[in-house]
N, C-alpha and C. Protein backbone atom coordinates (compact mmCIF):
# COMPACT_ATOMS: atom_id res chain seq x y z
N UNK A 1 21.45 246.81 111.97
CA UNK A 1 22.50 246.07 111.38
C UNK A 1 23.28 244.99 112.32
N UNK A 2 22.72 245.25 113.43
CA UNK A 2 23.00 244.13 114.39
C UNK A 2 22.30 242.99 114.30
N UNK A 3 21.19 242.85 113.96
CA UNK A 3 20.31 241.87 113.49
C UNK A 3 20.95 241.08 112.42
N UNK A 4 21.50 241.65 111.41
CA UNK A 4 22.26 241.10 110.19
C UNK A 4 23.37 240.32 110.60
N UNK A 5 24.17 241.05 111.63
CA UNK A 5 25.47 240.37 112.09
C UNK A 5 25.36 239.28 112.88
N UNK A 6 24.37 239.53 113.84
CA UNK A 6 23.77 238.18 114.67
C UNK A 6 23.45 237.15 113.80
N UNK A 7 22.89 237.41 112.85
CA UNK A 7 22.34 236.09 111.97
C UNK A 7 23.21 235.55 111.46
N UNK A 8 24.42 236.09 110.88
CA UNK A 8 25.78 235.98 110.07
C UNK A 8 26.40 234.96 110.62
N UNK A 9 26.25 235.45 112.40
CA UNK A 9 27.20 234.71 113.10
C UNK A 9 26.83 233.61 113.62
N UNK A 10 25.31 233.28 113.43
CA UNK A 10 24.82 231.93 113.64
C UNK A 10 24.62 231.04 112.66
N UNK A 11 25.00 231.34 111.30
CA UNK A 11 25.01 230.23 110.45
C UNK A 11 26.50 229.51 110.93
N UNK A 12 26.31 228.15 110.68
CA UNK A 12 27.37 227.25 110.88
C UNK A 12 28.24 227.26 110.03
N UNK A 13 28.95 228.41 109.37
CA UNK A 13 29.82 228.46 108.40
C UNK A 13 30.77 229.28 108.70
N UNK A 14 32.13 229.25 108.56
CA UNK A 14 33.07 230.30 109.03
C UNK A 14 34.28 230.22 107.84
N UNK A 15 35.01 231.22 107.44
CA UNK A 15 36.00 231.21 106.32
C UNK A 15 37.00 230.19 106.99
N UNK A 16 37.52 229.31 106.08
CA UNK A 16 38.50 228.36 106.39
C UNK A 16 39.78 228.86 107.08
N UNK A 17 40.44 228.10 107.78
CA UNK A 17 41.52 228.36 108.37
C UNK A 17 42.76 227.86 107.33
N UNK A 18 42.35 227.21 106.23
CA UNK A 18 43.45 226.81 105.16
C UNK A 18 43.06 227.75 104.19
N UNK A 19 43.23 229.05 104.34
CA UNK A 19 42.73 230.21 102.85
C UNK A 19 44.20 230.35 102.26
N UNK A 20 43.87 231.02 100.98
CA UNK A 20 44.56 231.45 99.80
C UNK A 20 44.59 233.14 99.89
N UNK A 21 43.31 233.45 99.58
CA UNK A 21 42.90 234.54 99.46
C UNK A 21 41.84 235.24 100.25
N UNK A 22 40.38 234.67 100.38
CA UNK A 22 39.33 235.27 101.24
C UNK A 22 39.02 234.21 102.04
N UNK A 23 39.47 232.90 101.85
CA UNK A 23 38.86 231.68 103.01
C UNK A 23 37.72 231.17 102.49
N UNK A 24 36.78 231.51 101.57
CA UNK A 24 35.66 231.03 101.31
C UNK A 24 35.62 229.63 100.72
N UNK A 25 36.46 229.21 99.75
CA UNK A 25 36.75 228.01 99.35
C UNK A 25 37.19 226.79 100.59
N UNK A 26 38.19 227.63 101.50
CA UNK A 26 38.64 226.57 102.55
C UNK A 26 37.58 226.36 103.63
N UNK A 27 36.52 227.21 103.78
CA UNK A 27 35.53 227.24 104.54
C UNK A 27 34.35 226.27 103.98
N UNK A 28 34.27 226.35 102.70
CA UNK A 28 33.20 225.42 102.35
C UNK A 28 33.61 223.79 102.29
N UNK A 29 35.23 223.54 102.23
CA UNK A 29 35.86 222.52 102.11
C UNK A 29 36.03 221.91 103.57
N UNK A 30 36.12 222.72 104.68
CA UNK A 30 36.39 222.68 105.96
C UNK A 30 34.47 221.87 106.23
N UNK A 31 33.72 222.59 105.76
CA UNK A 31 32.48 222.58 106.48
C UNK A 31 31.94 221.24 105.62
N UNK A 32 32.08 220.44 104.46
CA UNK A 32 31.67 219.58 103.67
C UNK A 32 32.75 218.24 103.96
N UNK A 33 34.08 218.45 104.43
CA UNK A 33 34.88 217.45 104.60
C UNK A 33 35.65 217.35 103.21
N UNK A 34 35.53 218.32 102.42
CA UNK A 34 36.05 217.85 101.06
C UNK A 34 37.52 218.74 100.66
N UNK A 35 38.37 218.40 99.82
CA UNK A 35 39.44 218.81 99.33
C UNK A 35 39.45 220.31 98.85
N UNK A 36 40.13 220.81 99.81
CA UNK A 36 40.21 222.50 99.27
C UNK A 36 40.69 222.89 97.94
N UNK A 37 41.36 221.99 97.37
CA UNK A 37 42.02 222.30 96.04
C UNK A 37 40.96 221.96 95.13
N UNK A 38 39.82 220.87 95.31
CA UNK A 38 39.16 220.64 94.55
C UNK A 38 37.91 221.67 94.44
N UNK A 39 37.94 222.24 95.58
CA UNK A 39 36.80 223.26 95.81
C UNK A 39 37.13 224.72 95.12
N UNK A 40 38.55 224.88 95.28
CA UNK A 40 39.07 226.04 94.36
C UNK A 40 38.83 225.94 93.08
N UNK A 41 39.15 224.79 92.70
CA UNK A 41 39.28 224.41 90.68
C UNK A 41 37.59 224.87 90.43
N UNK A 42 36.53 224.13 91.38
CA UNK A 42 35.18 224.40 91.21
C UNK A 42 34.88 225.98 91.11
N UNK A 43 35.17 226.64 92.10
CA UNK A 43 35.19 227.99 91.80
C UNK A 43 35.72 228.93 90.87
N UNK A 44 37.15 228.43 90.67
CA UNK A 44 37.66 229.12 89.47
C UNK A 44 36.71 228.86 88.00
N UNK A 45 36.40 227.80 87.93
CA UNK A 45 35.61 227.39 86.55
C UNK A 45 34.24 228.13 86.72
N UNK A 46 33.81 228.46 87.77
CA UNK A 46 32.33 229.09 87.99
C UNK A 46 32.58 230.75 87.62
N UNK A 47 33.90 231.04 87.84
CA UNK A 47 34.13 232.63 87.17
C UNK A 47 34.19 232.52 85.96
N UNK A 48 34.06 231.67 84.92
CA UNK A 48 33.74 231.61 83.77
C UNK A 48 32.53 231.98 83.38
N UNK A 49 31.52 231.81 84.13
CA UNK A 49 30.34 232.27 84.08
C UNK A 49 30.32 233.81 84.42
N UNK A 50 29.62 234.49 83.32
CA UNK A 50 29.44 235.83 83.38
C UNK A 50 28.49 236.22 85.08
N UNK A 51 29.30 237.04 85.64
CA UNK A 51 28.73 237.76 86.92
C UNK A 51 28.64 236.87 87.93
N UNK A 52 28.20 235.61 87.65
CA UNK A 52 27.84 234.71 88.84
C UNK A 52 28.96 234.51 89.62
N UNK A 53 29.85 234.07 89.40
CA UNK A 53 31.12 233.17 90.19
C UNK A 53 31.87 234.23 90.78
N UNK A 54 32.35 235.24 90.12
CA UNK A 54 32.82 236.62 90.94
C UNK A 54 31.93 237.30 91.86
N UNK A 55 30.52 237.25 91.51
CA UNK A 55 29.66 238.32 92.32
C UNK A 55 29.39 237.45 93.62
N UNK A 56 29.14 235.98 93.48
CA UNK A 56 28.98 235.35 94.63
C UNK A 56 29.89 235.33 95.24
N UNK A 57 31.46 235.25 95.06
CA UNK A 57 32.53 235.08 95.87
C UNK A 57 32.84 236.52 96.49
N UNK A 58 32.53 237.62 95.97
CA UNK A 58 32.73 238.74 96.66
C UNK A 58 31.42 238.84 97.43
N UNK A 59 30.25 238.65 97.50
CA UNK A 59 29.11 238.74 98.34
C UNK A 59 29.74 237.76 99.59
N UNK A 60 30.01 236.58 99.36
CA UNK A 60 30.55 235.75 100.35
C UNK A 60 31.50 236.42 101.11
N UNK A 61 32.26 237.03 100.38
CA UNK A 61 33.81 237.45 101.36
C UNK A 61 33.55 238.86 102.13
N UNK A 62 32.30 239.30 101.75
CA UNK A 62 31.84 240.46 102.46
C UNK A 62 31.14 240.10 103.80
N UNK A 63 30.24 239.11 103.54
CA UNK A 63 29.35 238.68 104.62
C UNK A 63 29.84 237.53 105.62
N UNK A 64 30.87 236.71 105.26
CA UNK A 64 30.68 235.31 106.04
C UNK A 64 31.87 235.60 107.16
N UNK A 65 31.77 235.29 108.05
CA UNK A 65 32.59 235.54 109.23
C UNK A 65 33.82 234.80 109.26
N UNK A 66 34.89 235.48 109.88
CA UNK A 66 36.40 234.57 110.08
C UNK A 66 36.30 233.77 111.19
N UNK A 67 37.12 233.17 111.62
CA UNK A 67 37.11 231.96 112.45
C UNK A 67 36.82 232.88 114.04
N UNK A 68 37.16 233.98 113.82
CA UNK A 68 37.12 234.74 115.12
C UNK A 68 35.95 235.41 115.49
N UNK A 69 34.95 235.20 114.30
CA UNK A 69 33.53 235.68 114.33
C UNK A 69 33.48 237.12 113.91
N UNK A 70 34.67 238.01 113.48
CA UNK A 70 34.51 239.30 112.87
C UNK A 70 33.69 239.30 111.11
N UNK A 71 32.96 240.02 110.89
CA UNK A 71 32.88 240.37 109.66
C UNK A 71 33.25 241.33 108.81
N UNK A 72 33.91 241.27 107.53
CA UNK A 72 34.35 242.32 107.13
C UNK A 72 33.16 243.41 106.78
N UNK A 73 32.17 243.12 106.64
CA UNK A 73 31.21 244.13 106.47
C UNK A 73 30.92 245.24 107.62
N UNK A 74 31.01 244.51 108.56
CA UNK A 74 30.82 245.15 110.07
C UNK A 74 32.35 245.93 110.30
N UNK A 75 33.44 246.19 109.70
CA UNK A 75 34.26 246.96 109.97
C UNK A 75 33.87 248.48 109.14
N UNK A 76 33.06 247.99 107.91
CA UNK A 76 32.96 249.41 107.33
C UNK A 76 31.57 249.85 108.02
N UNK A 77 30.68 249.20 108.17
CA UNK A 77 29.35 249.46 108.99
C UNK A 77 29.10 248.90 110.24
N UNK A 78 29.54 249.52 111.19
CA UNK A 78 29.58 248.89 112.59
C UNK A 78 28.10 248.82 113.11
N UNK A 79 27.74 247.63 113.86
CA UNK A 79 26.29 248.09 114.46
C UNK A 79 26.36 249.00 115.68
N UNK A 80 25.31 248.99 116.41
CA UNK A 80 25.18 250.14 117.39
C UNK A 80 26.14 249.44 118.64
N UNK A 81 26.88 250.02 119.24
CA UNK A 81 27.38 249.78 120.80
C UNK A 81 26.19 250.23 121.60
N UNK A 82 25.86 249.17 122.36
CA UNK A 82 25.20 249.60 123.61
C UNK A 82 25.89 249.16 124.78
N UNK A 83 25.67 250.13 125.74
CA UNK A 83 26.47 249.86 126.84
C UNK A 83 26.00 248.84 127.78
N UNK A 84 27.02 248.10 128.67
CA UNK A 84 26.89 246.93 129.36
C UNK A 84 25.73 247.08 130.59
């Protein structure tokens, strides 16, 4: 699991500081310089598609790191703790 967490932290994407629910839309908007409201509207429209929109959002919510590099999945399945 440590390899997975390191890989997730290495991608240049974080949940946005201007978040409403999970910060996914705010993170996408901050990464590409888009308006967060526009990204939220597109994501809400994608929720009309069966399974794709909600599933993608939930997966992103579980795997993407916050601004402080913490990952929600890591709270449930912590990596191995190695002594210094």
